[in-house]
Amino acid sequence: MTKTRRVPKYRNETRWKKEPVYKDVPVYRTKYTYDIERWKSFRTERSSGHGVDVYWPDISRFRLTGRLVPGEMKESGRTEEYVLHLRDEDNEDHTYETSQREWKSFSDGESIIAMVNMVGVSSIKKLKLEKAEK
């Protein structure tokens, strides 16, 4: 019996592959740069008081004078809240948020009937005092 063995064949091969060639060519165009100035929230002006006279806080010192100047401020909006501060016969304080129309119907020091639950004041109504007849 004869033994045979596989012998690998070696050969030299040259293969060609196409690759794109790029040139480093400068492109001359106008380059633009700019700064974006954004408004940031800086402060909140508030006004509050006693009685029924309402007014907005004075912000005339923040008004824009024409063209935007760095450091200048502008008004971003207004919101309003109308709150009645109530005190019961046990000297406990309560608050009740209401509409402007309802709030204006009350006067300072007026007596009212308020329904108070565990969460707070749920409803209020004016206390009507009847005149005593003579």
C-alpha atoms as a PDB file:
ATOM      1  CA  MET A   1       0.000   0.000   0.000  1.00  0.00           C
ATOM      2  CA  THR A   2       1.260   3.415  -0.885  1.00  0.00           C
ATOM      3  CA  LYS A   3       0.709   6.439   1.171  1.00  0.00           C
ATOM      4  CA  THR A   4      -0.248   9.718  -0.383  1.00  0.00           C
ATOM      5  CA  ARG A   5      -0.415  13.007   1.181  1.00  0.00           C
ATOM      6  CA  ARG A   6      -1.953  16.282   0.017  1.00  0.00           C
ATOM      7  CA  VAL A   7       0.517  19.024  -0.577  1.00  0.00           C
ATOM      8  CA  PRO A   8      -0.819  22.577  -0.859  1.00  0.00           C
ATOM      9  CA  LYS A   9      -0.030  24.569  -3.949  1.00  0.00           C
ATOM     10  CA  TYR A  10       1.312  28.036  -3.403  1.00  0.00           C
ATOM     11  CA  ARG A  11       1.126  30.703  -6.006  1.00  0.00           C
ATOM     12  CA  ASN A  12       1.654  34.446  -6.225  1.00  0.00           C
ATOM     13  CA  GLU A  13      -1.366  36.451  -7.189  1.00  0.00           C
ATOM     14  CA  THR A  14      -1.784  40.143  -7.774  1.00  0.00           C
ATOM     15  CA  ARG A  15      -5.217  41.648  -7.332  1.00  0.00           C
ATOM     16  CA  TRP A  16      -6.252  45.180  -8.128  1.00  0.00           C
ATOM     17  CA  LYS A  17      -8.750  47.140  -6.162  1.00  0.00           C
ATOM     18  CA  LYS A  18     -10.175  50.541  -7.105  1.00  0.00           C
ATOM     19  CA  GLU A  19     -10.118  53.171  -4.360  1.00  0.00           C
ATOM     20  CA  PRO A  20     -11.082  56.801  -4.840  1.00  0.00           C
ATOM     21  CA  VAL A  21      -8.298  59.341  -4.496  1.00  0.00           C
ATOM     22  CA  TYR A  22      -9.228  62.623  -2.820  1.00  0.00           C
ATOM     23  CA  LYS A  23      -7.411  65.888  -3.083  1.00  0.00           C
ATOM     24  CA  ASP A  24      -7.214  68.288  -0.188  1.00  0.00           C
ATOM     25  CA  VAL A  25      -8.468  71.391  -1.958  1.00  0.00           C
ATOM     26  CA  PRO A  26      -9.442  74.409   0.194  1.00  0.00           C
ATOM     27  CA  VAL A  27     -12.896  75.870  -0.393  1.00  0.00           C
ATOM     28  CA  TYR A  28     -13.059  79.611   0.011  1.00  0.00           C
ATOM     29  CA  ARG A  29     -16.504  80.802   1.094  1.00  0.00           C
ATOM     30  CA  THR A  30     -17.816  83.460   3.420  1.00  0.00           C
ATOM     31  CA  LYS A  31     -18.011  82.251   7.001  1.00  0.00           C
ATOM     32  CA  TYR A  32     -20.730  83.747   9.198  1.00  0.00           C
ATOM     33  CA  THR A  33     -20.718  83.814  12.994  1.00  0.00           C
ATOM     34  CA  TYR A  34     -23.367  85.342  15.227  1.00  0.00           C
ATOM     35  CA  ASP A  35     -24.442  85.589  18.836  1.00  0.00           C
ATOM     36  CA  ILE A  36     -27.945  84.759  19.985  1.00  0.00           C
ATOM     37  CA  GLU A  37     -29.131  86.799  22.903  1.00  0.00           C
ATOM     38  CA  ARG A  38     -31.859  85.008  24.825  1.00  0.00           C
ATOM     39  CA  TRP A  39     -34.023  86.386  27.593  1.00  0.00           C
ATOM     40  CA  LYS A  40     -33.556  84.690  30.950  1.00  0.00           C
ATOM     41  CA  SER A  41     -35.896  84.862  33.903  1.00  0.00           C
ATOM     42  CA  PHE A  42     -34.258  87.202  36.375  1.00  0.00           C
ATOM     43  CA  ARG A  43     -36.830  88.289  38.931  1.00  0.00           C
ATOM     44  CA  THR A  44     -40.523  88.204  39.731  1.00  0.00           C
ATOM     45  CA  GLU A  45     -42.149  91.449  40.746  1.00  0.00           C
ATOM     46  CA  ARG A  46     -45.067  91.036  43.141  1.00  0.00           C
ATOM     47  CA  SER A  47     -47.619  93.326  44.703  1.00  0.00           C
ATOM     48  CA  SER A  48     -49.931  92.593  47.592  1.00  0.00           C
ATOM     49  CA  GLY A  49     -51.878  94.532  50.114  1.00  0.00           C
ATOM     50  CA  HIS A  50     -54.945  94.818  52.278  1.00  0.00           C
ATOM     51  CA  GLY A  51     -58.344  95.981  51.159  1.00  0.00           C
ATOM     52  CA  VAL A  52     -59.944  95.759  47.757  1.00  0.00           C
ATOM     53  CA  ASP A  53     -57.757  98.206  45.808  1.00  0.00           C
ATOM     54  CA  VAL A  54     -55.673  96.185  43.345  1.00  0.00           C
ATOM     55  CA  TYR A  55     -52.644  97.371  41.413  1.00  0.00           C
ATOM     56  CA  TRP A  56     -49.822  95.910  39.361  1.00  0.00           C
ATOM     57  CA  PRO A  57     -46.252  96.386  40.574  1.00  0.00           C
ATOM     58  CA  ASP A  58     -44.395  99.374  39.059  1.00  0.00           C
ATOM     59  CA  ILE A  59     -42.172  98.031  36.284  1.00  0.00           C
ATOM     60  CA  SER A  60     -41.561 101.296  34.424  1.00  0.00           C
ATOM     61  CA  ARG A  61     -37.840 101.078  35.261  1.00  0.00           C
ATOM     62  CA  PHE A  62     -37.659  97.839  33.221  1.00  0.00           C
ATOM     63  CA  ARG A  63     -39.277  99.132  30.005  1.00  0.00           C
ATOM     64  CA  LEU A  64     -37.265  98.737  26.823  1.00  0.00           C
ATOM     65  CA  THR A  65     -35.948 102.012  25.458  1.00  0.00           C
ATOM     66  CA  GLY A  66     -35.691 100.989  21.823  1.00  0.00           C
ATOM     67  CA  ARG A  67     -32.832  98.843  20.677  1.00  0.00           C
ATOM     68  CA  LEU A  68     -31.803  95.877  22.826  1.00  0.00           C
ATOM     69  CA  VAL A  69     -28.996  96.747  25.205  1.00  0.00           C
ATOM     70  CA  PRO A  70     -27.116  94.041  27.152  1.00  0.00           C
ATOM     71  CA  GLY A  71     -28.427  93.841  30.684  1.00  0.00           C
ATOM     72  CA  GLU A  72     -31.793  95.357  29.828  1.00  0.00           C
ATOM     73  CA  MET A  73     -34.941  93.684  31.154  1.00  0.00           C
ATOM     74  CA  LYS A  74     -38.409  93.163  29.703  1.00  0.00           C
ATOM     75  CA  GLU A  75     -41.766  92.015  31.014  1.00  0.00           C
ATOM     76  CA  SER A  76     -42.592  88.420  30.139  1.00  0.00           C
ATOM     77  CA  GLY A  77     -46.216  88.298  31.279  1.00  0.00           C
ATOM     78  CA  ARG A  78     -48.615  88.889  34.103  1.00  0.00           C
ATOM     79  CA  THR A  79     -50.569  86.531  36.311  1.00  0.00           C
ATOM     80  CA  GLU A  80     -52.958  87.352  39.121  1.00  0.00           C
ATOM     81  CA  GLU A  81     -54.317  85.604  42.180  1.00  0.00           C
ATOM     82  CA  TYR A  82     -57.100  86.792  44.435  1.00  0.00           C
ATOM     83  CA  VAL A  83     -56.973  85.348  47.929  1.00  0.00           C
ATOM     84  CA  LEU A  84     -59.252  86.054  50.878  1.00  0.00           C
ATOM     85  CA  HIS A  85     -57.582  85.712  54.273  1.00  0.00           C
ATOM     86  CA  LEU A  86     -60.161  84.529  56.787  1.00  0.00           C
ATOM     87  CA  ARG A  87     -60.034  84.182  60.567  1.00  0.00           C
ATOM     88  CA  ASP A  88     -62.566  82.072  62.439  1.00  0.00           C
ATOM     89  CA  GLU A  89     -63.933  82.480  65.963  1.00  0.00           C
ATOM     90  CA  ASP A  90     -61.147  80.227  67.316  1.00  0.00           C
ATOM     91  CA  ASN A  91     -58.594  82.689  65.865  1.00  0.00           C
ATOM     92  CA  GLU A  92     -57.435  80.182  63.225  1.00  0.00           C
ATOM     93  CA  ASP A  93     -56.387  81.613  59.854  1.00  0.00           C
ATOM     94  CA  HIS A  94     -57.672  80.234  56.549  1.00  0.00           C
ATOM     95  CA  THR A  95     -57.206  81.276  52.927  1.00  0.00           C
ATOM     96  CA  TYR A  96     -59.622  81.052  50.029  1.00  0.00           C
ATOM     97  CA  GLU A  97     -58.670  81.576  46.369  1.00  0.00           C
ATOM     98  CA  THR A  98     -61.379  83.261  44.362  1.00  0.00           C
ATOM     99  CA  SER A  99     -62.069  85.124  41.125  1.00  0.00           C
ATOM    100  CA  GLN A 100     -61.561  88.873  40.758  1.00  0.00           C
ATOM    101  CA  ARG A 101     -65.304  89.467  40.389  1.00  0.00           C
ATOM    102  CA  GLU A 102     -66.146  87.600  43.620  1.00  0.00           C
ATOM    103  CA  TRP A 103     -63.164  89.109  45.436  1.00  0.00           C
ATOM    104  CA  LYS A 104     -64.277  92.669  44.618  1.00  0.00           C
ATOM    105  CA  SER A 105     -67.727  91.989  46.083  1.00  0.00           C
ATOM    106  CA  PHE A 106     -66.227  91.738  49.600  1.00  0.00           C
ATOM    107  CA  SER A 107     -64.966  94.575  51.751  1.00  0.00           C
ATOM    108  CA  ASP A 108     -62.224  94.586  54.350  1.00  0.00           C
ATOM    109  CA  GLY A 109     -63.440  93.341  57.760  1.00  0.00           C
ATOM    110  CA  GLU A 110     -66.744  91.999  56.416  1.00  0.00           C
ATOM    111  CA  SER A 111     -68.263  88.938  58.114  1.00  0.00           C
ATOM    112  CA  ILE A 112     -68.904  85.920  55.894  1.00  0.00           C
ATOM    113  CA  ILE A 113     -69.964  82.292  56.259  1.00  0.00           C
ATOM    114  CA  ALA A 114     -67.251  79.844  55.188  1.00  0.00           C
ATOM    115  CA  MET A 115     -67.471  76.055  54.866  1.00  0.00           C
ATOM    116  CA  VAL A 116     -64.174  74.660  56.167  1.00  0.00           C
ATOM    117  CA  ASN A 117     -63.145  71.026  55.737  1.00  0.00           C
ATOM    118  CA  MET A 118     -59.883  69.122  56.337  1.00  0.00           C
ATOM    119  CA  VAL A 119     -58.343  70.490  53.123  1.00  0.00           C
ATOM    120  CA  GLY A 120     -59.311  74.111  53.676  1.00  0.00           C
ATOM    121  CA  VAL A 121     -62.110  76.507  52.850  1.00  0.00           C
ATOM    122  CA  SER A 122     -64.456  74.881  50.325  1.00  0.00           C
ATOM    123  CA  SER A 123     -67.033  77.653  49.825  1.00  0.00           C
ATOM    124  CA  ILE A 124     -68.000  81.045  51.164  1.00  0.00           C
ATOM    125  CA  LYS A 125     -71.028  83.321  51.101  1.00  0.00           C
ATOM    126  CA  LYS A 126     -71.853  86.725  52.437  1.00  0.00           C
ATOM    127  CA  LEU A 127     -73.500  86.983  55.792  1.00  0.00           C
ATOM    128  CA  LYS A 128     -76.652  89.050  55.347  1.00  0.00           C
ATOM    129  CA  LEU A 129     -77.417  91.069  58.410  1.00  0.00           C
ATOM    130  CA  GLU A 130     -81.053  92.049  58.681  1.00  0.00           C
ATOM    131  CA  LYS A 131     -81.922  95.436  60.088  1.00  0.00           C
ATOM    132  CA  ALA A 132     -83.624  95.318  63.434  1.00  0.00           C
ATOM    133  CA  GLU A 133     -87.144  96.701  63.284  1.00  0.00           C
ATOM    134  CA  LYS A 134     -88.197  99.302  65.854  1.00  0.00           C
END
